[in-house]
Amino acid sequence: MLYPHRGMTITEPITTLTDYLLSISGATFAVLTLRLRGSHRALALWVLAFTCAAIAALAGGTFHGFKDYFNAATAKNMWDTAMIFVGATAAFLISASIVSSLRDEKWPHVRWLKRGLTISVVGFAFQKIGWDPFSWFNHNDVYHLIQIAGFWCLYQGIKQLR
C-alpha cells in the first residue's frame, strides 16, 4: 500500500473537495436515473451526461488537489481527461434536452429540466467570469456547488419523463 509523503498537502483543498462532491453528485444521479427503469428514450442520455460529469469532476478534483505531485505529462493527461469529459457532458446534456422535448411546456418535466439547465448555465457563467468570493473559495468552487443544484433540478424533471 502506498502512503502519502509525510509533508504532502492538497494543492487546492476546497476545489478538490467541491469537485469530488460534484463527482459524487453526478454518479448518484446517474445511478438514480438508471434505477428509474423508464422507457423514455432520453433516459440513457441523461445517465451518460451524469456519468461523464462524475468522471470529469473526479479527474478535475484530482488535478486541482494533487497536480504538484504529478510529472508534467501525467498532469496534462489528467487535465485533458477532465476537459474531454466536460465536453462529453455538455454534448449529452444537449442531446438529452432535445430528446426530452423541452419545447412542450404542457409536460410536467419541462419546467424542472429548464430550471436545471438554467442553473447550470448560471454556474458556468460564474466560473467563466472568475468570481472569487473569498481567497479560499474560488470561482471553481462556486460553479461546482451551483452545478450540484442544477443536477438536482434536472433529476426532478427526469423522474417525470413519460
N, C-alpha and C. Protein backbone atom coordinates (compact mmCIF):
# COMPACT_ATOMS: atom_id res chain seq x y z
N MET A 1 0.85 -1.18 0.00
CA MET A 1 0.00 0.00 0.00
C MET A 1 0.89 1.24 0.00
N LEU A 2 0.46 2.24 -0.74
CA LEU A 2 1.20 3.48 -0.78
C LEU A 2 0.67 4.45 0.25
N TYR A 3 1.55 5.16 0.89
CA TYR A 3 1.16 6.17 1.87
C TYR A 3 1.64 7.52 1.39
N PRO A 4 0.86 8.56 1.59
CA PRO A 4 1.28 9.89 1.16
C PRO A 4 2.57 10.32 1.86
N HIS A 5 3.35 11.11 1.17
CA HIS A 5 4.56 11.68 1.76
C HIS A 5 4.16 12.45 3.00
N ARG A 6 4.99 12.37 4.00
CA ARG A 6 4.68 12.98 5.28
C ARG A 6 4.30 14.45 5.17
N GLY A 7 4.94 15.18 4.29
CA GLY A 7 4.66 16.61 4.13
C GLY A 7 3.66 16.91 3.02
N MET A 8 2.98 15.90 2.53
CA MET A 8 2.07 16.07 1.40
C MET A 8 0.89 16.97 1.78
N THR A 9 0.64 17.96 0.93
CA THR A 9 -0.52 18.83 1.13
C THR A 9 -1.35 18.83 -0.15
N ILE A 10 -2.62 19.09 0.03
CA ILE A 10 -3.51 19.20 -1.12
C ILE A 10 -3.35 20.62 -1.68
N THR A 11 -3.09 20.69 -2.97
CA THR A 11 -2.79 21.97 -3.62
C THR A 11 -3.94 22.97 -3.48
N GLU A 12 -5.16 22.56 -3.84
CA GLU A 12 -6.34 23.42 -3.75
C GLU A 12 -7.42 22.63 -3.01
N PRO A 13 -7.39 22.65 -1.68
CA PRO A 13 -8.27 21.76 -0.92
C PRO A 13 -9.77 21.98 -1.14
N ILE A 14 -10.23 23.21 -1.20
CA ILE A 14 -11.67 23.45 -1.36
C ILE A 14 -12.13 23.05 -2.77
N THR A 15 -11.33 23.38 -3.76
CA THR A 15 -11.68 22.99 -5.13
C THR A 15 -11.67 21.48 -5.27
N THR A 16 -10.73 20.82 -4.66
CA THR A 16 -10.69 19.36 -4.69
C THR A 16 -11.95 18.80 -4.03
N LEU A 17 -12.30 19.33 -2.87
CA LEU A 17 -13.49 18.86 -2.15
C LEU A 17 -14.76 19.09 -2.97
N THR A 18 -14.94 20.30 -3.50
CA THR A 18 -16.17 20.58 -4.25
C THR A 18 -16.22 19.79 -5.56
N ASP A 19 -15.07 19.57 -6.18
CA ASP A 19 -15.02 18.72 -7.38
C ASP A 19 -15.45 17.30 -7.02
N TYR A 20 -14.93 16.78 -5.93
CA TYR A 20 -15.29 15.42 -5.52
C TYR A 20 -16.77 15.33 -5.13
N LEU A 21 -17.31 16.39 -4.50
CA LEU A 21 -18.75 16.42 -4.20
C LEU A 21 -19.56 16.41 -5.50
N LEU A 22 -19.11 17.16 -6.50
CA LEU A 22 -19.78 17.17 -7.80
C LEU A 22 -19.70 15.79 -8.44
N SER A 23 -18.56 15.14 -8.31
CA SER A 23 -18.39 13.79 -8.86
C SER A 23 -19.36 12.81 -8.20
N ILE A 24 -19.45 12.88 -6.89
CA ILE A 24 -20.40 12.01 -6.16
C ILE A 24 -21.83 12.32 -6.58
N SER A 25 -22.13 13.59 -6.75
CA SER A 25 -23.46 14.01 -7.19
C SER A 25 -23.77 13.44 -8.58
N GLY A 26 -22.86 13.59 -9.50
CA GLY A 26 -23.06 13.06 -10.85
C GLY A 26 -23.27 11.56 -10.84
N ALA A 27 -22.43 10.85 -10.09
CA ALA A 27 -22.57 9.39 -10.01
C ALA A 27 -23.89 9.00 -9.37
N THR A 28 -24.28 9.71 -8.32
CA THR A 28 -25.54 9.42 -7.63
C THR A 28 -26.73 9.61 -8.56
N PHE A 29 -26.76 10.74 -9.28
CA PHE A 29 -27.88 10.99 -10.18
C PHE A 29 -27.87 10.04 -11.38
N ALA A 30 -26.69 9.60 -11.80
CA ALA A 30 -26.62 8.60 -12.87
C ALA A 30 -27.27 7.29 -12.41
N VAL A 31 -26.92 6.86 -11.20
CA VAL A 31 -27.48 5.61 -10.67
C VAL A 31 -28.98 5.75 -10.43
N LEU A 32 -29.41 6.87 -9.84
CA LEU A 32 -30.84 7.08 -9.60
C LEU A 32 -31.63 7.10 -10.91
N THR A 33 -31.06 7.73 -11.93
CA THR A 33 -31.73 7.78 -13.23
C THR A 33 -31.78 6.38 -13.85
N LEU A 34 -30.70 5.65 -13.73
CA LEU A 34 -30.67 4.28 -14.24
C LEU A 34 -31.71 3.41 -13.55
N ARG A 35 -31.90 3.63 -12.26
CA ARG A 35 -32.86 2.84 -11.48
C ARG A 35 -34.31 3.18 -11.79
N LEU A 36 -34.56 4.28 -12.49
CA LEU A 36 -35.93 4.62 -12.85
C LEU A 36 -36.54 3.57 -13.78
N ARG A 37 -35.70 2.93 -14.55
CA ARG A 37 -36.11 1.88 -15.47
C ARG A 37 -37.30 2.29 -16.35
N GLY A 38 -37.35 3.55 -16.70
CA GLY A 38 -38.40 4.04 -17.57
C GLY A 38 -38.11 3.68 -19.02
N SER A 39 -39.05 3.99 -19.87
CA SER A 39 -38.89 3.66 -21.28
C SER A 39 -38.60 4.89 -22.14
N HIS A 40 -38.54 6.07 -21.54
CA HIS A 40 -38.28 7.27 -22.33
C HIS A 40 -36.89 7.20 -22.95
N ARG A 41 -36.82 7.52 -24.22
CA ARG A 41 -35.55 7.37 -24.95
C ARG A 41 -34.47 8.34 -24.48
N ALA A 42 -34.80 9.37 -23.72
CA ALA A 42 -33.80 10.32 -23.22
C ALA A 42 -33.08 9.81 -21.98
N LEU A 43 -33.62 8.80 -21.29
CA LEU A 43 -33.04 8.37 -20.02
C LEU A 43 -31.57 7.95 -20.16
N ALA A 44 -31.25 7.20 -21.20
CA ALA A 44 -29.85 6.76 -21.39
C ALA A 44 -28.93 7.98 -21.58
N LEU A 45 -29.41 9.00 -22.27
CA LEU A 45 -28.60 10.19 -22.48
C LEU A 45 -28.37 10.94 -21.17
N TRP A 46 -29.40 10.99 -20.31
CA TRP A 46 -29.23 11.63 -19.01
C TRP A 46 -28.24 10.85 -18.16
N VAL A 47 -28.31 9.52 -18.20
CA VAL A 47 -27.34 8.70 -17.45
C VAL A 47 -25.93 8.99 -17.94
N LEU A 48 -25.75 9.06 -19.25
CA LEU A 48 -24.43 9.34 -19.80
C LEU A 48 -23.95 10.74 -19.42
N ALA A 49 -24.85 11.72 -19.41
CA ALA A 49 -24.47 13.08 -19.02
C ALA A 49 -23.97 13.11 -17.58
N PHE A 50 -24.73 12.49 -16.68
CA PHE A 50 -24.32 12.47 -15.27
C PHE A 50 -23.02 11.68 -15.08
N THR A 51 -22.89 10.57 -15.79
CA THR A 51 -21.68 9.74 -15.67
C THR A 51 -20.45 10.50 -16.15
N CYS A 52 -20.57 11.14 -17.30
CA CYS A 52 -19.44 11.93 -17.81
C CYS A 52 -19.09 13.07 -16.88
N ALA A 53 -20.11 13.70 -16.29
CA ALA A 53 -19.86 14.78 -15.32
C ALA A 53 -19.11 14.24 -14.11
N ALA A 54 -19.49 13.05 -13.65
CA ALA A 54 -18.82 12.45 -12.49
C ALA A 54 -17.34 12.18 -12.80
N ILE A 55 -17.08 11.67 -13.98
CA ILE A 55 -15.68 11.38 -14.37
C ILE A 55 -14.90 12.68 -14.52
N ALA A 56 -15.52 13.69 -15.15
CA ALA A 56 -14.84 14.99 -15.32
C ALA A 56 -14.48 15.59 -13.98
N ALA A 57 -15.43 15.56 -13.04
CA ALA A 57 -15.18 16.16 -11.73
C ALA A 57 -14.15 15.36 -10.93
N LEU A 58 -14.17 14.06 -11.07
CA LEU A 58 -13.16 13.23 -10.38
C LEU A 58 -11.76 13.56 -10.91
N ALA A 59 -11.63 13.62 -12.23
CA ALA A 59 -10.33 13.95 -12.83
C ALA A 59 -9.94 15.39 -12.48
N GLY A 60 -10.90 16.32 -12.54
CA GLY A 60 -10.61 17.71 -12.21
C GLY A 60 -10.20 17.88 -10.76
N GLY A 61 -10.90 17.22 -9.86
CA GLY A 61 -10.56 17.30 -8.44
C GLY A 61 -9.18 16.73 -8.15
N THR A 62 -8.87 15.63 -8.81
CA THR A 62 -7.55 15.02 -8.62
C THR A 62 -6.45 15.94 -9.16
N PHE A 63 -6.72 16.55 -10.31
CA PHE A 63 -5.76 17.50 -10.86
C PHE A 63 -5.56 18.69 -9.91
N HIS A 64 -6.67 19.32 -9.51
CA HIS A 64 -6.57 20.50 -8.65
C HIS A 64 -5.91 20.18 -7.30
N GLY A 65 -6.17 19.01 -6.79
CA GLY A 65 -5.65 18.67 -5.47
C GLY A 65 -4.21 18.19 -5.45
N PHE A 66 -3.80 17.53 -6.53
CA PHE A 66 -2.53 16.82 -6.47
C PHE A 66 -1.60 17.10 -7.65
N LYS A 67 -1.87 18.16 -8.41
CA LYS A 67 -1.08 18.44 -9.60
C LYS A 67 0.41 18.62 -9.31
N ASP A 68 0.75 19.09 -8.13
CA ASP A 68 2.16 19.28 -7.79
C ASP A 68 2.90 17.97 -7.58
N TYR A 69 2.16 16.88 -7.47
CA TYR A 69 2.78 15.58 -7.23
C TYR A 69 2.84 14.73 -8.50
N PHE A 70 2.32 15.25 -9.61
CA PHE A 70 2.38 14.56 -10.89
C PHE A 70 3.52 15.13 -11.72
N ASN A 71 4.08 14.28 -12.60
CA ASN A 71 5.00 14.85 -13.57
C ASN A 71 4.18 15.61 -14.60
N ALA A 72 4.83 16.39 -15.45
CA ALA A 72 4.12 17.27 -16.38
C ALA A 72 3.20 16.49 -17.31
N ALA A 73 3.63 15.36 -17.80
CA ALA A 73 2.81 14.57 -18.73
C ALA A 73 1.57 14.01 -18.04
N THR A 74 1.72 13.53 -16.82
CA THR A 74 0.58 12.99 -16.09
C THR A 74 -0.41 14.09 -15.75
N ALA A 75 0.09 15.24 -15.33
CA ALA A 75 -0.79 16.37 -15.02
C ALA A 75 -1.57 16.80 -16.26
N LYS A 76 -0.89 16.87 -17.40
CA LYS A 76 -1.56 17.24 -18.65
C LYS A 76 -2.62 16.20 -19.01
N ASN A 77 -2.30 14.93 -18.88
CA ASN A 77 -3.27 13.87 -19.18
C ASN A 77 -4.48 13.94 -18.25
N MET A 78 -4.24 14.24 -16.99
CA MET A 78 -5.34 14.34 -16.03
C MET A 78 -6.26 15.50 -16.41
N TRP A 79 -5.65 16.65 -16.75
CA TRP A 79 -6.45 17.81 -17.13
C TRP A 79 -7.19 17.56 -18.45
N ASP A 80 -6.48 16.94 -19.42
CA ASP A 80 -7.12 16.63 -20.70
C ASP A 80 -8.30 15.68 -20.51
N THR A 81 -8.17 14.72 -19.62
CA THR A 81 -9.27 13.80 -19.33
C THR A 81 -10.46 14.56 -18.78
N ALA A 82 -10.20 15.46 -17.85
CA ALA A 82 -11.29 16.27 -17.29
C ALA A 82 -11.98 17.07 -18.38
N MET A 83 -11.21 17.70 -19.26
CA MET A 83 -11.79 18.55 -20.30
C MET A 83 -12.56 17.73 -21.34
N ILE A 84 -12.06 16.57 -21.69
CA ILE A 84 -12.77 15.70 -22.63
C ILE A 84 -14.13 15.30 -22.06
N PHE A 85 -14.15 14.95 -20.78
CA PHE A 85 -15.41 14.54 -20.17
C PHE A 85 -16.34 15.73 -19.89
N VAL A 86 -15.80 16.93 -19.70
CA VAL A 86 -16.64 18.13 -19.62
C VAL A 86 -17.35 18.31 -20.97
N GLY A 87 -16.61 18.17 -22.05
CA GLY A 87 -17.20 18.28 -23.39
C GLY A 87 -18.25 17.22 -23.64
N ALA A 88 -17.96 15.98 -23.23
CA ALA A 88 -18.94 14.90 -23.40
C ALA A 88 -20.18 15.16 -22.56
N THR A 89 -19.99 15.69 -21.36
CA THR A 89 -21.14 16.04 -20.51
C THR A 89 -22.03 17.05 -21.22
N ALA A 90 -21.43 18.08 -21.77
CA ALA A 90 -22.20 19.11 -22.47
C ALA A 90 -22.95 18.49 -23.65
N ALA A 91 -22.28 17.65 -24.41
CA ALA A 91 -22.92 17.02 -25.56
C ALA A 91 -24.11 16.16 -25.14
N PHE A 92 -23.95 15.38 -24.08
CA PHE A 92 -25.05 14.53 -23.62
C PHE A 92 -26.17 15.35 -22.98
N LEU A 93 -25.83 16.45 -22.28
CA LEU A 93 -26.87 17.32 -21.72
C LEU A 93 -27.71 17.94 -22.84
N ILE A 94 -27.05 18.39 -23.89
CA ILE A 94 -27.77 18.98 -25.02
C ILE A 94 -28.64 17.92 -25.70
N SER A 95 -28.05 16.76 -25.97
CA SER A 95 -28.80 15.68 -26.62
C SER A 95 -30.00 15.24 -25.79
N ALA A 96 -29.77 15.05 -24.49
CA ALA A 96 -30.86 14.61 -23.60
C ALA A 96 -31.96 15.66 -23.54
N SER A 97 -31.57 16.93 -23.54
CA SER A 97 -32.55 18.02 -23.50
C SER A 97 -33.40 18.02 -24.77
N ILE A 98 -32.78 17.84 -25.91
CA ILE A 98 -33.51 17.82 -27.18
C ILE A 98 -34.49 16.65 -27.21
N VAL A 99 -34.01 15.48 -26.81
CA VAL A 99 -34.86 14.28 -26.83
C VAL A 99 -35.97 14.37 -25.78
N SER A 100 -35.76 15.15 -24.74
CA SER A 100 -36.77 15.31 -23.68
C SER A 100 -37.87 16.29 -24.05
N SER A 101 -37.84 16.83 -25.25
CA SER A 101 -38.90 17.71 -25.76
C SER A 101 -39.16 18.90 -24.84
N LEU A 102 -38.18 19.77 -24.71
CA LEU A 102 -38.32 20.93 -23.83
C LEU A 102 -39.22 22.02 -24.40
N ARG A 103 -39.58 21.91 -25.66
CA ARG A 103 -40.44 22.94 -26.28
C ARG A 103 -41.88 22.87 -25.76
N ASP A 104 -42.30 21.70 -25.34
CA ASP A 104 -43.70 21.50 -24.98
C ASP A 104 -43.92 21.75 -23.49
N GLU A 105 -44.32 22.97 -23.15
CA GLU A 105 -44.48 23.40 -21.76
C GLU A 105 -45.58 22.65 -21.00
N LYS A 106 -46.45 21.94 -21.71
CA LYS A 106 -47.55 21.26 -21.02
C LYS A 106 -47.08 20.03 -20.23
N TRP A 107 -45.91 19.52 -20.55
CA TRP A 107 -45.40 18.35 -19.84
C TRP A 107 -44.78 18.78 -18.51
N PRO A 108 -45.03 18.02 -17.43
CA PRO A 108 -44.56 18.44 -16.10
C PRO A 108 -43.04 18.46 -15.94
N HIS A 109 -42.33 17.67 -16.74
CA HIS A 109 -40.87 17.61 -16.59
C HIS A 109 -40.16 18.84 -17.15
N VAL A 110 -40.82 19.56 -18.04
CA VAL A 110 -40.15 20.63 -18.77
C VAL A 110 -39.65 21.73 -17.85
N ARG A 111 -40.47 22.16 -16.91
CA ARG A 111 -40.05 23.25 -16.02
C ARG A 111 -38.81 22.87 -15.21
N TRP A 112 -38.79 21.64 -14.68
CA TRP A 112 -37.63 21.20 -13.89
C TRP A 112 -36.37 21.12 -14.75
N LEU A 113 -36.50 20.57 -15.94
CA LEU A 113 -35.33 20.45 -16.81
C LEU A 113 -34.81 21.83 -17.22
N LYS A 114 -35.71 22.72 -17.56
CA LYS A 114 -35.28 24.08 -17.92
C LYS A 114 -34.63 24.78 -16.73
N ARG A 115 -35.19 24.57 -15.54
CA ARG A 115 -34.61 25.15 -14.33
C ARG A 115 -33.19 24.60 -14.11
N GLY A 116 -33.03 23.30 -14.25
CA GLY A 116 -31.71 22.69 -14.07
C GLY A 116 -30.70 23.18 -15.08
N LEU A 117 -31.13 23.30 -16.33
CA LEU A 117 -30.23 23.80 -17.37
C LEU A 117 -29.88 25.26 -17.14
N THR A 118 -30.84 26.06 -16.71
CA THR A 118 -30.58 27.48 -16.42
C THR A 118 -29.59 27.61 -15.27
N ILE A 119 -29.80 26.85 -14.22
CA ILE A 119 -28.87 26.88 -13.08
C ILE A 119 -27.48 26.48 -13.53
N SER A 120 -27.38 25.48 -14.39
CA SER A 120 -26.08 25.04 -14.90
C SER A 120 -25.39 26.16 -15.67
N VAL A 121 -26.14 26.87 -16.49
CA VAL A 121 -25.58 27.98 -17.27
C VAL A 121 -25.13 29.11 -16.34
N VAL A 122 -25.93 29.40 -15.31
CA VAL A 122 -25.55 30.43 -14.34
C VAL A 122 -24.24 30.03 -13.63
N GLY A 123 -24.14 28.77 -13.23
CA GLY A 123 -22.91 28.30 -12.60
C GLY A 123 -21.71 28.43 -13.52
N PHE A 124 -21.91 28.06 -14.78
CA PHE A 124 -20.84 28.18 -15.77
C PHE A 124 -20.42 29.64 -15.94
N ALA A 125 -21.40 30.54 -15.95
CA ALA A 125 -21.09 31.98 -16.08
C ALA A 125 -20.26 32.46 -14.90
N PHE A 126 -20.63 32.06 -13.69
CA PHE A 126 -19.84 32.44 -12.51
C PHE A 126 -18.41 31.93 -12.64
N GLN A 127 -18.27 30.71 -13.14
CA GLN A 127 -16.92 30.16 -13.30
C GLN A 127 -16.13 30.96 -14.33
N LYS A 128 -16.75 31.27 -15.44
CA LYS A 128 -16.04 31.95 -16.52
C LYS A 128 -15.70 33.40 -16.20
N ILE A 129 -16.55 34.08 -15.42
CA ILE A 129 -16.19 35.47 -15.07
C ILE A 129 -15.15 35.50 -13.95
N GLY A 130 -14.91 34.34 -13.33
CA GLY A 130 -13.85 34.25 -12.33
C GLY A 130 -14.18 34.88 -11.00
N TRP A 131 -15.46 34.84 -10.62
CA TRP A 131 -15.87 35.44 -9.34
C TRP A 131 -15.36 34.59 -8.18
N ASP A 132 -14.46 35.17 -7.40
CA ASP A 132 -13.88 34.50 -6.23
C ASP A 132 -14.37 35.22 -4.97
N PRO A 133 -15.42 34.70 -4.31
CA PRO A 133 -15.97 35.40 -3.15
C PRO A 133 -14.99 35.51 -1.98
N PHE A 134 -14.08 34.55 -1.87
CA PHE A 134 -13.08 34.56 -0.78
C PHE A 134 -11.76 34.05 -1.35
N SER A 135 -10.69 34.33 -0.66
CA SER A 135 -9.38 33.86 -1.13
C SER A 135 -9.31 32.33 -1.10
N TRP A 136 -10.07 31.71 -0.21
CA TRP A 136 -10.04 30.25 -0.06
C TRP A 136 -11.20 29.56 -0.78
N PHE A 137 -12.10 30.33 -1.38
CA PHE A 137 -13.29 29.79 -2.06
C PHE A 137 -13.42 30.50 -3.40
N ASN A 138 -13.00 29.81 -4.48
CA ASN A 138 -12.89 30.50 -5.76
C ASN A 138 -14.04 30.17 -6.73
N HIS A 139 -13.90 30.71 -7.94
CA HIS A 139 -14.93 30.55 -8.97
C HIS A 139 -15.22 29.09 -9.30
N ASN A 140 -14.22 28.22 -9.24
CA ASN A 140 -14.47 26.80 -9.48
C ASN A 140 -15.37 26.21 -8.39
N ASP A 141 -15.10 26.60 -7.16
CA ASP A 141 -15.89 26.10 -6.03
C ASP A 141 -17.34 26.55 -6.14
N VAL A 142 -17.53 27.82 -6.52
CA VAL A 142 -18.88 28.36 -6.71
C VAL A 142 -19.60 27.54 -7.78
N TYR A 143 -18.92 27.35 -8.91
CA TYR A 143 -19.52 26.58 -10.01
C TYR A 143 -19.90 25.17 -9.57
N HIS A 144 -19.00 24.48 -8.90
CA HIS A 144 -19.28 23.09 -8.51
C HIS A 144 -20.54 22.99 -7.66
N LEU A 145 -20.69 23.89 -6.69
CA LEU A 145 -21.87 23.84 -5.82
C LEU A 145 -23.15 24.21 -6.57
N ILE A 146 -23.05 25.20 -7.45
CA ILE A 146 -24.22 25.56 -8.25
C ILE A 146 -24.60 24.40 -9.17
N GLN A 147 -23.61 23.74 -9.75
CA GLN A 147 -23.88 22.63 -10.66
C GLN A 147 -24.56 21.47 -9.95
N ILE A 148 -24.21 21.22 -8.71
CA ILE A 148 -24.89 20.18 -7.93
C ILE A 148 -26.38 20.51 -7.82
N ALA A 149 -26.70 21.77 -7.55
CA ALA A 149 -28.11 22.18 -7.50
C ALA A 149 -28.76 22.01 -8.87
N GLY A 150 -28.04 22.32 -9.93
CA GLY A 150 -28.57 22.12 -11.28
C GLY A 150 -28.86 20.66 -11.57
N PHE A 151 -27.95 19.78 -11.15
CA PHE A 151 -28.17 18.35 -11.34
C PHE A 151 -29.41 17.87 -10.58
N TRP A 152 -29.60 18.40 -9.37
CA TRP A 152 -30.77 18.00 -8.58
C TRP A 152 -32.05 18.39 -9.33
N CYS A 153 -32.09 19.60 -9.86
CA CYS A 153 -33.27 20.04 -10.61
C CYS A 153 -33.47 19.19 -11.87
N LEU A 154 -32.39 18.90 -12.57
CA LEU A 154 -32.50 18.04 -13.75
C LEU A 154 -33.12 16.69 -13.36
N TYR A 155 -32.64 16.13 -12.28
CA TYR A 155 -33.16 14.82 -11.86
C TYR A 155 -34.65 14.90 -11.51
N GLN A 156 -35.09 16.02 -10.92
CA GLN A 156 -36.52 16.18 -10.61
C GLN A 156 -37.34 16.11 -11.90
N GLY A 157 -36.82 16.70 -12.96
CA GLY A 157 -37.52 16.62 -14.25
C GLY A 157 -37.43 15.24 -14.87
N ILE A 158 -36.26 14.63 -14.78
CA ILE A 158 -36.05 13.29 -15.36
C ILE A 158 -37.02 12.29 -14.76
N LYS A 159 -37.27 12.41 -13.46
CA LYS A 159 -38.20 11.49 -12.79
C LYS A 159 -39.60 11.57 -13.37
N GLN A 160 -39.93 12.71 -13.98
CA GLN A 160 -41.29 12.92 -14.51
C GLN A 160 -41.40 12.62 -16.00
N LEU A 161 -40.30 12.21 -16.63
CA LEU A 161 -40.36 11.88 -18.06
C LEU A 161 -41.32 10.74 -18.30
N ARG A 162 -42.15 10.87 -19.31
CA ARG A 162 -43.08 9.80 -19.67
C ARG A 162 -42.90 9.44 -21.12
